[in-house]
Amino acid sequence: MNLTISGHHLELTPAIREYVQNKLERIKRHFDHVIDIAVILTVDKLTEKEKRQKAEVNLHVRGKDLHAESIAQDIYAAIDTLIDKLDRQVIKYKTKIQDHQHSGIKHIPEPGMPDAGAAAS
């Protein structure tokens, strides 16, 4: 798995980098078929009082790209909500894959076979 963390108008400190890596462990715990993760952390300075912290992630898994973004006043809060959004997307994708893999023709009864309820009568 390739992990890329970049900052726009923000210096990436080792503490921020480690925080993002620790939070992404939750995603890896749910789904291990992750190919590539790109995290972009941005600070938008609208006015001096209003600083907007933005966190984005692009997650590439087999057959799909997932994208999430979050905006908050604090970069750590933006990362937390970003990981929550991404976690929900990954769980939804994982259940969708598992549902499709397990539905097979063996669950459909054949037309000539009697039902289990009819045999009991």
PDB file of N, CA and C in Angstrom:
ATOM      1  N   MET A   1       0.829  -1.172   0.000  1.00  0.00           N
ATOM      2  CA  MET A   1       0.000   0.000   0.000  1.00  0.00           C
ATOM      3  C   MET A   1       0.879   1.243   0.000  1.00  0.00           C
ATOM      4  N   ASN A   2       0.594   2.144  -0.906  1.00  0.00           N
ATOM      5  CA  ASN A   2       1.332   3.393  -0.991  1.00  0.00           C
ATOM      6  C   ASN A   2       0.555   4.481  -0.254  1.00  0.00           C
ATOM      7  N   LEU A   3       1.241   5.217   0.594  1.00  0.00           N
ATOM      8  CA  LEU A   3       0.633   6.308   1.340  1.00  0.00           C
ATOM      9  C   LEU A   3       1.363   7.593   1.001  1.00  0.00           C
ATOM     10  N   THR A   4       0.611   8.588   0.535  1.00  0.00           N
ATOM     11  CA  THR A   4       1.172   9.899   0.217  1.00  0.00           C
ATOM     12  C   THR A   4       0.434  10.943   1.040  1.00  0.00           C
ATOM     13  N   ILE A   5       1.173  11.709   1.824  1.00  0.00           N
ATOM     14  CA  ILE A   5       0.591  12.783   2.617  1.00  0.00           C
ATOM     15  C   ILE A   5       1.245  14.073   2.170  1.00  0.00           C
ATOM     16  N   SER A   6       0.428  15.028   1.732  1.00  0.00           N
ATOM     17  CA  SER A   6       0.993  16.300   1.292  1.00  0.00           C
ATOM     18  C   SER A   6       0.232  17.445   1.943  1.00  0.00           C
ATOM     19  N   GLY A   7       0.907  18.572   2.062  1.00  0.00           N
ATOM     20  CA  GLY A   7       0.305  19.753   2.674  1.00  0.00           C
ATOM     21  C   GLY A   7       0.389  20.946   1.749  1.00  0.00           C
ATOM     22  N   HIS A   8      -0.710  21.673   1.627  1.00  0.00           N
ATOM     23  CA  HIS A   8      -0.750  22.899   0.836  1.00  0.00           C
ATOM     24  C   HIS A   8      -0.938  24.064   1.800  1.00  0.00           C
ATOM     25  N   HIS A   9      -0.012  24.999   1.778  1.00  0.00           N
ATOM     26  CA  HIS A   9       0.022  26.145   2.688  1.00  0.00           C
ATOM     27  C   HIS A   9       0.098  25.683   4.134  1.00  0.00           C
ATOM     28  N   LEU A  10       0.738  24.541   4.341  1.00  0.00           N
ATOM     29  CA  LEU A  10       0.831  23.943   5.663  1.00  0.00           C
ATOM     30  C   LEU A  10       2.121  23.141   5.734  1.00  0.00           C
ATOM     31  N   GLU A  11       2.853  23.323   6.804  1.00  0.00           N
ATOM     32  CA  GLU A  11       4.059  22.520   7.002  1.00  0.00           C
ATOM     33  C   GLU A  11       3.660  21.221   7.688  1.00  0.00           C
ATOM     34  N   LEU A  12       4.010  20.108   7.069  1.00  0.00           N
ATOM     35  CA  LEU A  12       3.684  18.804   7.642  1.00  0.00           C
ATOM     36  C   LEU A  12       4.696  18.466   8.731  1.00  0.00           C
ATOM     37  N   THR A  13       4.237  18.503   9.943  1.00  0.00           N
ATOM     38  CA  THR A  13       5.109  18.146  11.051  1.00  0.00           C
ATOM     39  C   THR A  13       5.069  16.635  11.239  1.00  0.00           C
ATOM     40  N   PRO A  14       6.066  16.068  11.874  1.00  0.00           N
ATOM     41  CA  PRO A  14       6.028  14.626  12.146  1.00  0.00           C
ATOM     42  C   PRO A  14       4.807  14.219  12.984  1.00  0.00           C
ATOM     43  N   ALA A  15       4.342  15.121  13.855  1.00  0.00           N
ATOM     44  CA  ALA A  15       3.167  14.809  14.683  1.00  0.00           C
ATOM     45  C   ALA A  15       1.913  14.665  13.816  1.00  0.00           C
ATOM     46  N   ILE A  16       1.723  15.554  12.846  1.00  0.00           N
ATOM     47  CA  ILE A  16       0.566  15.465  11.951  1.00  0.00           C
ATOM     48  C   ILE A  16       0.662  14.211  11.090  1.00  0.00           C
ATOM     49  N   ARG A  17       1.843  13.949  10.573  1.00  0.00           N
ATOM     50  CA  ARG A  17       2.050  12.766   9.731  1.00  0.00           C
ATOM     51  C   ARG A  17       1.751  11.476  10.515  1.00  0.00           C
ATOM     52  N   GLU A  18       2.234  11.403  11.739  1.00  0.00           N
ATOM     53  CA  GLU A  18       1.985  10.220  12.570  1.00  0.00           C
ATOM     54  C   GLU A  18       0.509  10.100  12.940  1.00  0.00           C
ATOM     55  N   TYR A  19      -0.147  11.233  13.195  1.00  0.00           N
ATOM     56  CA  TYR A  19      -1.574  11.239  13.524  1.00  0.00           C
ATOM     57  C   TYR A  19      -2.404  10.673  12.368  1.00  0.00           C
ATOM     58  N   VAL A  20      -2.090  11.095  11.152  1.00  0.00           N
ATOM     59  CA  VAL A  20      -2.806  10.598   9.970  1.00  0.00           C
ATOM     60  C   VAL A  20      -2.547   9.100   9.791  1.00  0.00           C
ATOM     61  N   GLN A  21      -1.318   8.670   9.958  1.00  0.00           N
ATOM     62  CA  GLN A  21      -0.988   7.252   9.806  1.00  0.00           C
ATOM     63  C   GLN A  21      -1.710   6.394  10.844  1.00  0.00           C
ATOM     64  N   ASN A  22      -1.787   6.882  12.088  1.00  0.00           N
ATOM     65  CA  ASN A  22      -2.489   6.130  13.127  1.00  0.00           C
ATOM     66  C   ASN A  22      -3.982   6.042  12.826  1.00  0.00           C
ATOM     67  N   LYS A  23      -4.556   7.111  12.317  1.00  0.00           N
ATOM     68  CA  LYS A  23      -5.983   7.108  11.986  1.00  0.00           C
ATOM     69  C   LYS A  23      -6.268   6.188  10.795  1.00  0.00           C
ATOM     70  N   LEU A  24      -5.343   6.109   9.850  1.00  0.00           N
ATOM     71  CA  LEU A  24      -5.552   5.255   8.682  1.00  0.00           C
ATOM     72  C   LEU A  24      -5.434   3.770   9.021  1.00  0.00           C
ATOM     73  N   GLU A  25      -4.890   3.451  10.177  1.00  0.00           N
ATOM     74  CA  GLU A  25      -4.835   2.055  10.614  1.00  0.00           C
ATOM     75  C   GLU A  25      -6.249   1.495  10.755  1.00  0.00           C
ATOM     76  N   ARG A  26      -7.195   2.344  11.109  1.00  0.00           N
ATOM     77  CA  ARG A  26      -8.585   1.910  11.237  1.00  0.00           C
ATOM     78  C   ARG A  26      -9.145   1.465   9.896  1.00  0.00           C
ATOM     79  N   ILE A  27      -8.769   2.160   8.832  1.00  0.00           N
ATOM     80  CA  ILE A  27      -9.221   1.790   7.493  1.00  0.00           C
ATOM     81  C   ILE A  27      -8.589   0.458   7.092  1.00  0.00           C
ATOM     82  N   LYS A  28      -7.304   0.308   7.376  1.00  0.00           N
ATOM     83  CA  LYS A  28      -6.604  -0.938   7.028  1.00  0.00           C
ATOM     84  C   LYS A  28      -7.143  -2.123   7.811  1.00  0.00           C
ATOM     85  N   ARG A  29      -7.618  -1.868   9.022  1.00  0.00           N
ATOM     86  CA  ARG A  29      -8.164  -2.938   9.844  1.00  0.00           C
ATOM     87  C   ARG A  29      -9.475  -3.464   9.249  1.00  0.00           C
ATOM     88  N   HIS A  30     -10.280  -2.560   8.664  1.00  0.00           N
ATOM     89  CA  HIS A  30     -11.547  -2.973   8.062  1.00  0.00           C
ATOM     90  C   HIS A  30     -11.363  -3.622   6.694  1.00  0.00           C
ATOM     91  N   PHE A  31     -10.390  -3.133   5.948  1.00  0.00           N
ATOM     92  CA  PHE A  31     -10.264  -3.564   4.553  1.00  0.00           C
ATOM     93  C   PHE A  31      -8.801  -3.546   4.178  1.00  0.00           C
ATOM     94  N   ASP A  32      -8.207  -4.716   3.884  1.00  0.00           N
ATOM     95  CA  ASP A  32      -6.768  -4.750   3.607  1.00  0.00           C
ATOM     96  C   ASP A  32      -6.403  -4.712   2.137  1.00  0.00           C
ATOM     97  N   HIS A  33      -7.354  -4.610   1.239  1.00  0.00           N
ATOM     98  CA  HIS A  33      -7.040  -4.589  -0.187  1.00  0.00           C
ATOM     99  C   HIS A  33      -6.888  -3.165  -0.711  1.00  0.00           C
ATOM    100  N   VAL A  34      -6.300  -2.297   0.075  1.00  0.00           N
ATOM    101  CA  VAL A  34      -6.075  -0.908  -0.320  1.00  0.00           C
ATOM    102  C   VAL A  34      -4.796  -0.839  -1.137  1.00  0.00           C
ATOM    103  N   ILE A  35      -4.879  -0.216  -2.311  1.00  0.00           N
ATOM    104  CA  ILE A  35      -3.719  -0.121  -3.192  1.00  0.00           C
ATOM    105  C   ILE A  35      -2.953   1.178  -2.924  1.00  0.00           C
ATOM    106  N   ASP A  36      -3.682   2.294  -2.851  1.00  0.00           N
ATOM    107  CA  ASP A  36      -3.031   3.595  -2.779  1.00  0.00           C
ATOM    108  C   ASP A  36      -3.891   4.557  -1.966  1.00  0.00           C
ATOM    109  N   ILE A  37      -3.252   5.370  -1.121  1.00  0.00           N
ATOM    110  CA  ILE A  37      -3.951   6.409  -0.358  1.00  0.00           C
ATOM    111  C   ILE A  37      -3.191   7.716  -0.556  1.00  0.00           C
ATOM    112  N   ALA A  38      -3.922   8.759  -0.948  1.00  0.00           N
ATOM    113  CA  ALA A  38      -3.333  10.096  -1.082  1.00  0.00           C
ATOM    114  C   ALA A  38      -4.108  11.048  -0.166  1.00  0.00           C
ATOM    115  N   VAL A  39      -3.419  11.628   0.805  1.00  0.00           N
ATOM    116  CA  VAL A  39      -4.027  12.551   1.754  1.00  0.00           C
ATOM    117  C   VAL A  39      -3.483  13.946   1.468  1.00  0.00           C
ATOM    118  N   ILE A  40      -4.390  14.917   1.350  1.00  0.00           N
ATOM    119  CA  ILE A  40      -3.999  16.307   1.108  1.00  0.00           C
ATOM    120  C   ILE A  40      -4.564  17.161   2.241  1.00  0.00           C
ATOM    121  N   LEU A  41      -3.684  17.841   2.946  1.00  0.00           N
ATOM    122  CA  LEU A  41      -4.077  18.734   4.027  1.00  0.00           C
ATOM    123  C   LEU A  41      -3.849  20.167   3.569  1.00  0.00           C
ATOM    124  N   THR A  42      -4.873  21.026   3.717  1.00  0.00           N
ATOM    125  CA  THR A  42      -4.816  22.379   3.187  1.00  0.00           C
ATOM    126  C   THR A  42      -5.273  23.376   4.238  1.00  0.00           C
ATOM    127  N   VAL A  43      -4.652  24.537   4.235  1.00  0.00           N
ATOM    128  CA  VAL A  43      -5.099  25.658   5.060  1.00  0.00           C
ATOM    129  C   VAL A  43      -5.511  26.784   4.114  1.00  0.00           C
ATOM    130  N   ASP A  44      -6.781  27.164   4.175  1.00  0.00           N
ATOM    131  CA  ASP A  44      -7.275  28.292   3.385  1.00  0.00           C
ATOM    132  C   ASP A  44      -7.397  29.492   4.308  1.00  0.00           C
ATOM    133  N   LYS A  45      -6.729  30.575   3.970  1.00  0.00           N
ATOM    134  CA  LYS A  45      -6.801  31.785   4.784  1.00  0.00           C
ATOM    135  C   LYS A  45      -7.765  32.758   4.105  1.00  0.00           C
ATOM    136  N   LEU A  46      -9.009  32.738   4.557  1.00  0.00           N
ATOM    137  CA  LEU A  46      -9.992  33.652   3.997  1.00  0.00           C
ATOM    138  C   LEU A  46      -9.754  35.057   4.538  1.00  0.00           C
ATOM    139  N   THR A  47      -9.758  35.201   5.842  1.00  0.00           N
ATOM    140  CA  THR A  47      -9.338  36.437   6.512  1.00  0.00           C
ATOM    141  C   THR A  47      -8.406  36.014   7.636  1.00  0.00           C
ATOM    142  N   GLU A  48      -7.872  36.960   8.351  1.00  0.00           N
ATOM    143  CA  GLU A  48      -6.940  36.611   9.415  1.00  0.00           C
ATOM    144  C   GLU A  48      -7.651  35.849  10.530  1.00  0.00           C
ATOM    145  N   LYS A  49      -8.904  36.232  10.827  1.00  0.00           N
ATOM    146  CA  LYS A  49      -9.642  35.539  11.881  1.00  0.00           C
ATOM    147  C   LYS A  49     -10.151  34.180  11.405  1.00  0.00           C
ATOM    148  N   GLU A  50     -10.499  34.087  10.129  1.00  0.00           N
ATOM    149  CA  GLU A  50     -11.095  32.864   9.601  1.00  0.00           C
ATOM    150  C   GLU A  50     -10.054  32.040   8.873  1.00  0.00           C
ATOM    151  N   LYS A  51      -9.580  31.025   9.522  1.00  0.00           N
ATOM    152  CA  LYS A  51      -8.680  30.082   8.873  1.00  0.00           C
ATOM    153  C   LYS A  51      -9.439  28.767   8.758  1.00  0.00           C
ATOM    154  N   ARG A  52      -9.485  28.241   7.567  1.00  0.00           N
ATOM    155  CA  ARG A  52     -10.235  27.021   7.334  1.00  0.00           C
ATOM    156  C   ARG A  52      -9.251  25.888   7.045  1.00  0.00           C
ATOM    157  N   GLN A  53      -9.345  24.833   7.818  1.00  0.00           N
ATOM    158  CA  GLN A  53      -8.484  23.671   7.655  1.00  0.00           C
ATOM    159  C   GLN A  53      -9.259  22.624   6.863  1.00  0.00           C
ATOM    160  N   LYS A  54      -8.661  22.102   5.828  1.00  0.00           N
ATOM    161  CA  LYS A  54      -9.341  21.155   4.959  1.00  0.00           C
ATOM    162  C   LYS A  54      -8.477  19.910   4.805  1.00  0.00           C
ATOM    163  N   ALA A  55      -9.125  18.756   4.896  1.00  0.00           N
ATOM    164  CA  ALA A  55      -8.436  17.484   4.716  1.00  0.00           C
ATOM    165  C   ALA A  55      -9.178  16.695   3.644  1.00  0.00           C
ATOM    166  N   GLU A  56      -8.439  16.161   2.682  1.00  0.00           N
ATOM    167  CA  GLU A  56      -9.008  15.358   1.603  1.00  0.00           C
ATOM    168  C   GLU A  56      -8.253  14.043   1.525  1.00  0.00           C
ATOM    169  N   VAL A  57      -8.937  13.019   1.042  1.00  0.00           N
ATOM    170  CA  VAL A  57      -8.281  11.733   0.832  1.00  0.00           C
ATOM    171  C   VAL A  57      -8.849  11.091  -0.425  1.00  0.00           C
ATOM    172  N   ASN A  58      -7.954  10.496  -1.200  1.00  0.00           N
ATOM    173  CA  ASN A  58      -8.322   9.663  -2.343  1.00  0.00           C
ATOM    174  C   ASN A  58      -7.784   8.277  -2.045  1.00  0.00           C
ATOM    175  N   LEU A  59      -8.689   7.309  -2.001  1.00  0.00           N
ATOM    176  CA  LEU A  59      -8.330   5.946  -1.661  1.00  0.00           C
ATOM    177  C   LEU A  59      -8.612   5.068  -2.864  1.00  0.00           C
ATOM    178  N   HIS A  60      -7.603   4.373  -3.341  1.00  0.00           N
ATOM    179  CA  HIS A  60      -7.736   3.511  -4.512  1.00  0.00           C
ATOM    180  C   HIS A  60      -7.741   2.063  -4.052  1.00  0.00           C
ATOM    181  N   VAL A  61      -8.864   1.392  -4.288  1.00  0.00           N
ATOM    182  CA  VAL A  61      -8.974  -0.034  -4.010  1.00  0.00           C
ATOM    183  C   VAL A  61      -9.240  -0.736  -5.327  1.00  0.00           C
ATOM    184  N   ARG A  62      -9.210  -2.048  -5.310  1.00  0.00           N
ATOM    185  CA  ARG A  62      -9.390  -2.794  -6.542  1.00  0.00           C
ATOM    186  C   ARG A  62     -10.799  -2.548  -7.092  1.00  0.00           C
ATOM    187  N   GLY A  63     -10.853  -1.891  -8.250  1.00  0.00           N
ATOM    188  CA  GLY A  63     -12.127  -1.656  -8.914  1.00  0.00           C
ATOM    189  C   GLY A  63     -12.826  -0.376  -8.549  1.00  0.00           C
ATOM    190  N   LYS A  64     -12.300   0.436  -7.654  1.00  0.00           N
ATOM    191  CA  LYS A  64     -13.021   1.634  -7.232  1.00  0.00           C
ATOM    192  C   LYS A  64     -12.064   2.653  -6.628  1.00  0.00           C
ATOM    193  N   ASP A  65     -12.407   3.920  -6.807  1.00  0.00           N
ATOM    194  CA  ASP A  65     -11.712   5.018  -6.136  1.00  0.00           C
ATOM    195  C   ASP A  65     -12.687   5.677  -5.180  1.00  0.00           C
ATOM    196  N   LEU A  66     -12.284   5.870  -3.930  1.00  0.00           N
ATOM    197  CA  LEU A  66     -13.121   6.521  -2.930  1.00  0.00           C
ATOM    198  C   LEU A  66     -12.520   7.879  -2.610  1.00  0.00           C
ATOM    199  N   HIS A  67     -13.394   8.883  -2.453  1.00  0.00           N
ATOM    200  CA  HIS A  67     -12.940  10.238  -2.154  1.00  0.00           C
ATOM    201  C   HIS A  67     -13.761  10.777  -0.989  1.00  0.00           C
ATOM    202  N   ALA A  68     -13.084  11.452  -0.072  1.00  0.00           N
ATOM    203  CA  ALA A  68     -13.758  12.101   1.044  1.00  0.00           C
ATOM    204  C   ALA A  68     -13.011  13.383   1.362  1.00  0.00           C
ATOM    205  N   GLU A  69     -13.759  14.370   1.861  1.00  0.00           N
ATOM    206  CA  GLU A  69     -13.114  15.610   2.305  1.00  0.00           C
ATOM    207  C   GLU A  69     -13.853  16.158   3.503  1.00  0.00           C
ATOM    208  N   SER A  70     -13.140  16.925   4.294  1.00  0.00           N
ATOM    209  CA  SER A  70     -13.683  17.469   5.521  1.00  0.00           C
ATOM    210  C   SER A  70     -13.079  18.839   5.777  1.00  0.00           C
ATOM    211  N   ILE A  71     -13.896  19.740   6.316  1.00  0.00           N
ATOM    212  CA  ILE A  71     -13.446  21.101   6.630  1.00  0.00           C
ATOM    213  C   ILE A  71     -13.767  21.383   8.096  1.00  0.00           C
ATOM    214  N   ALA A  72     -12.807  21.942   8.821  1.00  0.00           N
ATOM    215  CA  ALA A  72     -13.001  22.296  10.227  1.00  0.00           C
ATOM    216  C   ALA A  72     -12.074  23.452  10.585  1.00  0.00           C
ATOM    217  N   GLN A  73     -12.221  23.958  11.795  1.00  0.00           N
ATOM    218  CA  GLN A  73     -11.348  25.034  12.270  1.00  0.00           C
ATOM    219  C   GLN A  73      -9.982  24.497  12.686  1.00  0.00           C
ATOM    220  N   ASP A  74      -9.917  23.239  13.080  1.00  0.00           N
ATOM    221  CA  ASP A  74      -8.687  22.614  13.546  1.00  0.00           C
ATOM    222  C   ASP A  74      -8.323  21.477  12.588  1.00  0.00           C
ATOM    223  N   ILE A  75      -7.058  21.327  12.265  1.00  0.00           N
ATOM    224  CA  ILE A  75      -6.632  20.296  11.311  1.00  0.00           C
ATOM    225  C   ILE A  75      -6.870  18.900  11.876  1.00  0.00           C
ATOM    226  N   TYR A  76      -6.721  18.727  13.175  1.00  0.00           N
ATOM    227  CA  TYR A  76      -6.946  17.416  13.771  1.00  0.00           C
ATOM    228  C   TYR A  76      -8.431  17.042  13.741  1.00  0.00           C
ATOM    229  N   ALA A  77      -9.309  18.019  13.954  1.00  0.00           N
ATOM    230  CA  ALA A  77     -10.750  17.761  13.857  1.00  0.00           C
ATOM    231  C   ALA A  77     -11.137  17.429  12.419  1.00  0.00           C
ATOM    232  N   ALA A  78     -10.517  18.102  11.452  1.00  0.00           N
ATOM    233  CA  ALA A  78     -10.789  17.815  10.045  1.00  0.00           C
ATOM    234  C   ALA A  78     -10.334  16.393   9.690  1.00  0.00           C
ATOM    235  N   ILE A  79      -9.200  15.973  10.222  1.00  0.00           N
ATOM    236  CA  ILE A  79      -8.696  14.614   9.969  1.00  0.00           C
ATOM    237  C   ILE A  79      -9.640  13.585  10.595  1.00  0.00           C
ATOM    238  N   ASP A  80     -10.117  13.867  11.817  1.00  0.00           N
ATOM    239  CA  ASP A  80     -11.024  12.930  12.485  1.00  0.00           C
ATOM    240  C   ASP A  80     -12.310  12.720  11.700  1.00  0.00           C
ATOM    241  N   THR A  81     -12.942  13.807  11.263  1.00  0.00           N
ATOM    242  CA  THR A  81     -14.198  13.660  10.512  1.00  0.00           C
ATOM    243  C   THR A  81     -13.933  13.047   9.135  1.00  0.00           C
ATOM    244  N   LEU A  82     -12.776  13.332   8.565  1.00  0.00           N
ATOM    245  CA  LEU A  82     -12.405  12.735   7.286  1.00  0.00           C
ATOM    246  C   LEU A  82     -12.300  11.212   7.408  1.00  0.00           C
ATOM    247  N   ILE A  83     -11.646  10.737   8.429  1.00  0.00           N
ATOM    248  CA  ILE A  83     -11.483   9.299   8.625  1.00  0.00           C
ATOM    249  C   ILE A  83     -12.836   8.646   8.908  1.00  0.00           C
ATOM    250  N   ASP A  84     -13.712   9.331   9.642  1.00  0.00           N
ATOM    251  CA  ASP A  84     -15.050   8.783   9.881  1.00  0.00           C
ATOM    252  C   ASP A  84     -15.816   8.615   8.572  1.00  0.00           C
ATOM    253  N   LYS A  85     -15.756   9.618   7.703  1.00  0.00           N
ATOM    254  CA  LYS A  85     -16.440   9.534   6.409  1.00  0.00           C
ATOM    255  C   LYS A  85     -15.849   8.421   5.551  1.00  0.00           C
ATOM    256  N   LEU A  86     -14.545   8.352   5.517  1.00  0.00           N
ATOM    257  CA  LEU A  86     -13.876   7.336   4.707  1.00  0.00           C
ATOM    258  C   LEU A  86     -14.154   5.934   5.242  1.00  0.00           C
ATOM    259  N   ASP A  87     -14.206   5.803   6.548  1.00  0.00           N
ATOM    260  CA  ASP A  87     -14.483   4.509   7.163  1.00  0.00           C
ATOM    261  C   ASP A  87     -15.870   4.006   6.759  1.00  0.00           C
ATOM    262  N   ARG A  88     -16.858   4.896   6.772  1.00  0.00           N
ATOM    263  CA  ARG A  88     -18.203   4.504   6.353  1.00  0.00           C
ATOM    264  C   ARG A  88     -18.218   4.072   4.890  1.00  0.00           C
ATOM    265  N   GLN A  89     -17.491   4.791   4.041  1.00  0.00           N
ATOM    266  CA  GLN A  89     -17.441   4.434   2.619  1.00  0.00           C
ATOM    267  C   GLN A  89     -16.775   3.074   2.409  1.00  0.00           C
ATOM    268  N   VAL A  90     -15.696   2.821   3.137  1.00  0.00           N
ATOM    269  CA  VAL A  90     -14.971   1.558   2.987  1.00  0.00           C
ATOM    270  C   VAL A  90     -15.834   0.392   3.462  1.00  0.00           C
ATOM    271  N   ILE A  91     -16.528   0.555   4.576  1.00  0.00           N
ATOM    272  CA  ILE A  91     -17.398  -0.510   5.084  1.00  0.00           C
ATOM    273  C   ILE A  91     -18.531  -0.781   4.102  1.00  0.00           C
ATOM    274  N   LYS A  92     -19.099   0.277   3.527  1.00  0.00           N
ATOM    275  CA  LYS A  92     -20.170   0.107   2.541  1.00  0.00           C
ATOM    276  C   LYS A  92     -19.647  -0.631   1.307  1.00  0.00           C
ATOM    277  N   TYR A  93     -18.478  -0.264   0.846  1.00  0.00           N
ATOM    278  CA  TYR A  93     -17.883  -0.921  -0.317  1.00  0.00           C
ATOM    279  C   TYR A  93     -17.577  -2.388  -0.014  1.00  0.00           C
ATOM    280  N   LYS A  94     -17.059  -2.650   1.180  1.00  0.00           N
ATOM    281  CA  LYS A  94     -16.709  -4.017   1.551  1.00  0.00           C
ATOM    282  C   LYS A  94     -17.952  -4.899   1.612  1.00  0.00           C
ATOM    283  N   THR A  95     -19.027  -4.405   2.206  1.00  0.00           N
ATOM    284  CA  THR A  95     -20.247  -5.206   2.272  1.00  0.00           C
ATOM    285  C   THR A  95     -20.852  -5.410   0.891  1.00  0.00           C
ATOM    286  N   LYS A  96     -20.723  -4.424   0.028  1.00  0.00           N
ATOM    287  CA  LYS A  96     -21.234  -4.573  -1.336  1.00  0.00           C
ATOM    288  C   LYS A  96     -20.463  -5.660  -2.081  1.00  0.00           C
ATOM    289  N   ILE A  97     -19.158  -5.699  -1.899  1.00  0.00           N
ATOM    290  CA  ILE A  97     -18.334  -6.728  -2.542  1.00  0.00           C
ATOM    291  C   ILE A  97     -18.680  -8.106  -1.976  1.00  0.00           C
ATOM    292  N   GLN A  98     -18.800  -8.203  -0.668  1.00  0.00           N
ATOM    293  CA  GLN A  98     -19.090  -9.494  -0.050  1.00  0.00           C
ATOM    294  C   GLN A  98     -20.467 -10.003  -0.443  1.00  0.00           C
ATOM    295  N   ASP A  99     -21.459  -9.130  -0.563  1.00  0.00           N
ATOM    296  CA  ASP A  99     -22.798  -9.552  -0.967  1.00  0.00           C
ATOM    297  C   ASP A  99     -22.792 -10.111  -2.375  1.00  0.00           C
ATOM    298  N   HIS A 100     -22.025  -9.484  -3.263  1.00  0.00           N
ATOM    299  CA  HIS A 100     -21.990  -9.948  -4.647  1.00  0.00           C
ATOM    300  C   HIS A 100     -21.217 -11.254  -4.786  1.00  0.00           C
ATOM    301  N   GLN A 101     -20.233 -11.461  -3.980  1.00  0.00           N
ATOM    302  CA  GLN A 101     -19.437 -12.678  -4.098  1.00  0.00           C
ATOM    303  C   GLN A 101     -20.185 -13.897  -3.568  1.00  0.00           C
ATOM    304  N   HIS A 102     -21.064 -13.712  -2.603  1.00  0.00           N
ATOM    305  CA  HIS A 102     -21.722 -14.849  -1.980  1.00  0.00           C
ATOM    306  C   HIS A 102     -23.073 -15.190  -2.593  1.00  0.00           C
ATOM    307  N   SER A 103     -23.640 -14.319  -3.401  1.00  0.00           N
ATOM    308  CA  SER A 103     -24.913 -14.663  -4.013  1.00  0.00           C
ATOM    309  C   SER A 103     -24.632 -15.529  -5.230  1.00  0.00           C
ATOM    310  N   GLY A 104     -25.105 -16.739  -5.188  1.00  0.00           N
ATOM    311  CA  GLY A 104     -24.834 -17.665  -6.280  1.00  0.00           C
ATOM    312  C   GLY A 104     -26.088 -18.370  -6.715  1.00  0.00           C
ATOM    313  N   ILE A 105     -25.945 -19.212  -7.683  1.00  0.00           N
ATOM    314  CA  ILE A 105     -27.079 -19.920  -8.243  1.00  0.00           C
ATOM    315  C   ILE A 105     -27.554 -21.027  -7.308  1.00  0.00           C
ATOM    316  N   LYS A 106     -26.736 -21.419  -6.340  1.00  0.00           N
ATOM    317  CA  LYS A 106     -27.131 -22.499  -5.440  1.00  0.00           C
ATOM    318  C   LYS A 106     -28.270 -22.085  -4.510  1.00  0.00           C
ATOM    319  N   HIS A 107     -28.526 -20.784  -4.364  1.00  0.00           N
ATOM    320  CA  HIS A 107     -29.599 -20.321  -3.496  1.00  0.00           C
ATOM    321  C   HIS A 107     -30.956 -20.340  -4.191  1.00  0.00           C
ATOM    322  N   ILE A 108     -30.995 -20.487  -5.488  1.00  0.00           N
ATOM    323  CA  ILE A 108     -32.247 -20.492  -6.240  1.00  0.00           C
ATOM    324  C   ILE A 108     -32.738 -21.940  -6.333  1.00  0.00           C
ATOM    325  N   PRO A 109     -33.970 -22.238  -5.860  1.00  0.00           N
ATOM    326  CA  PRO A 109     -34.461 -23.618  -5.946  1.00  0.00           C
ATOM    327  C   PRO A 109     -34.760 -24.006  -7.385  1.00  0.00           C
ATOM    328  N   GLU A 110     -34.502 -25.269  -7.706  1.00  0.00           N
ATOM    329  CA  GLU A 110     -34.763 -25.752  -9.055  1.00  0.00           C
ATOM    330  C   GLU A 110     -36.263 -25.976  -9.225  1.00  0.00           C
ATOM    331  N   PRO A 111     -36.782 -25.825 -10.454  1.00  0.00           N
ATOM    332  CA  PRO A 111     -38.224 -25.921 -10.663  1.00  0.00           C
ATOM    333  C   PRO A 111     -38.803 -27.300 -10.362  1.00  0.00           C
ATOM    334  N   GLY A 112     -38.099 -28.388 -10.567  1.00  0.00           N
ATOM    335  CA  GLY A 112     -38.631 -29.722 -10.359  1.00  0.00           C
ATOM    336  C   GLY A 112     -38.490 -30.232  -8.941  1.00  0.00           C
ATOM    337  N   MET A 113     -37.732 -29.521  -8.094  1.00  0.00           N
ATOM    338  CA  MET A 113     -37.460 -29.985  -6.732  1.00  0.00           C
ATOM    339  C   MET A 113     -38.572 -29.532  -5.792  1.00  0.00           C
ATOM    340  N   PRO A 114     -39.065 -30.398  -4.891  1.00  0.00           N
ATOM    341  CA  PRO A 114     -40.097 -29.968  -3.938  1.00  0.00           C
ATOM    342  C   PRO A 114     -39.476 -29.096  -2.848  1.00  0.00           C
ATOM    343  N   ASP A 115     -40.296 -28.206  -2.283  1.00  0.00           N
ATOM    344  CA  ASP A 115     -39.829 -27.336  -1.199  1.00  0.00           C
ATOM    345  C   ASP A 115     -39.681 -28.153   0.074  1.00  0.00           C
ATOM    346  N   ALA A 116     -38.908 -27.657   1.023  1.00  0.00           N
ATOM    347  CA  ALA A 116     -38.715 -28.343   2.288  1.00  0.00           C
ATOM    348  C   ALA A 116     -40.017 -28.340   3.097  1.00  0.00           C
ATOM    349  N   GLY A 117     -40.823 -27.275   2.982  1.00  0.00           N
ATOM    350  CA  GLY A 117     -42.094 -27.185   3.686  1.00  0.00           C
ATOM    351  C   GLY A 117     -43.121 -28.151   3.132  1.00  0.00           C
ATOM    352  N   ALA A 118     -43.100 -28.392   1.824  1.00  0.00           N
ATOM    353  CA  ALA A 118     -44.059 -29.303   1.185  1.00  0.00           C
ATOM    354  C   ALA A 118     -43.725 -30.745   1.530  1.00  0.00           C
ATOM    355  N   ALA A 119     -42.466 -31.075   1.757  1.00  0.00           N
ATOM    356  CA  ALA A 119     -42.069 -32.438   2.076  1.00  0.00           C
ATOM    357  C   ALA A 119     -42.479 -32.805   3.497  1.00  0.00           C
ATOM    358  N   ALA A 120     -42.587 -31.818   4.378  1.00  0.00           N
ATOM    359  CA  ALA A 120     -42.940 -32.072   5.762  1.00  0.00           C
ATOM    360  C   ALA A 120     -44.422 -32.378   5.907  1.00  0.00           C
ATOM    361  N   SER A 121     -45.279 -31.992   4.976  1.00  0.00           N
ATOM    362  CA  SER A 121     -46.716 -32.213   5.095  1.00  0.00           C
ATOM    363  C   SER A 121     -47.106 -33.633   4.846  1.00  0.00           C
TER     364      SER A 121
END
